Amino acid sequence: MYRFLLTPRWWGINVFAVLAIPFCIFMGSWQLSRFEDRVDTHQQQEDRSARAKAAAARPLDSLLPVDKVTSGRQASARGHYDTGHQLLVPGRTLDGKQGKSQGFYVLSLLRTDGGKALPVVRGWLPGDVNAKADRAKVPAPPKGEVTVSGALQASENQGTDGVQADGGLPKGQLGMISAASLVNIVPYDVYDAWITLTDTRAPLRPVPPAAAEGSGLDLKAFQNLGYTGEWFVFAGFVVFMWFRLFRREAEAAKDAALGILPEGDAPEGDASEGDADGVEGGASGAGGASPPVSRA
């Protein structure tokens, strides 16, 4: 009854199922491991951030380049602020007691003793950066030589929250904090990193450091979890379809063995015999009828 499994059609179905099921399980397990790695990295990043807040600041050059380990560490640098190139970063939100508030970062460039400039986010202010009254609240950077310390951050990119990479901003505004976006604004080299000050002066509010890219439970992490479910569903679907096809073929083979044929598949001989009987009946009926007798 199961000889149909040896047909070329079923050889193809079986080979496909044998290859597809392990592949789907492997891909689902791999996506699950990616999600678990992101969870572990997120926990490690939180632990490092907690330790970094309590640790003493280290010289900036000893923490470069910025990676998942050094991101969020307290860095210190010495120099003087470029008061002629203070920049405002619009469209930045900050969590507060009443939820998220819209505002902007106040960014100043610290000309270090090494010659390069370090972008320093001195704080955040609520309001609209295009409103003259809100811009008037921005305090001027300190004059003279200063030593600053804050959480080290990697340069932003187009995928960073709040970034305005389209350009077209008025003079004095910056859409993305990175060396690439500052190269055409200032006439000197800039570090491929920035810091956010831990201690700020009113009315500025400190900007908390962001988690290193790829270390948080972001959308990509939950995409990995979603892909995990999809691959396991695909594996279950292959098993379901194989059993469904197998059951249908087995029932058809069993019916054929018992001589039960599907509707519409009656032998041609039966139909021809029925038609012949009908014709004969019609002919005999027509021939056996007596013609009417006319009486005078």
Foldseek 3Di string as FASTA:
>chain_A
DQCVCVDPVNVVLVVCLVVQLVVLLVLLVVLVVLLVVLVVLLVVLVVLLVVQVVDDADAPVVLPPPDLNQFNHKHKFKAFWDQVQWAKAAFDWDQDPVGIAGWIWTWIWGQGPVGATAIEGQFIDGDGPPDPVRVVQDDGDDGDMDMFMFGKFAWDDPPDPQADPPDPDDPRYFRTGAQVRCPVPDPTGYDRIHGWGPDHDPPGHTDRGDRGPSNHCDPVSVVSVVSSVVSNVSSVVSVVVVVVVSVVVVVQVVCVVVVHDDPPPDDPVVVVVVVVVVVVVVVCVVVPDDDDDDDD
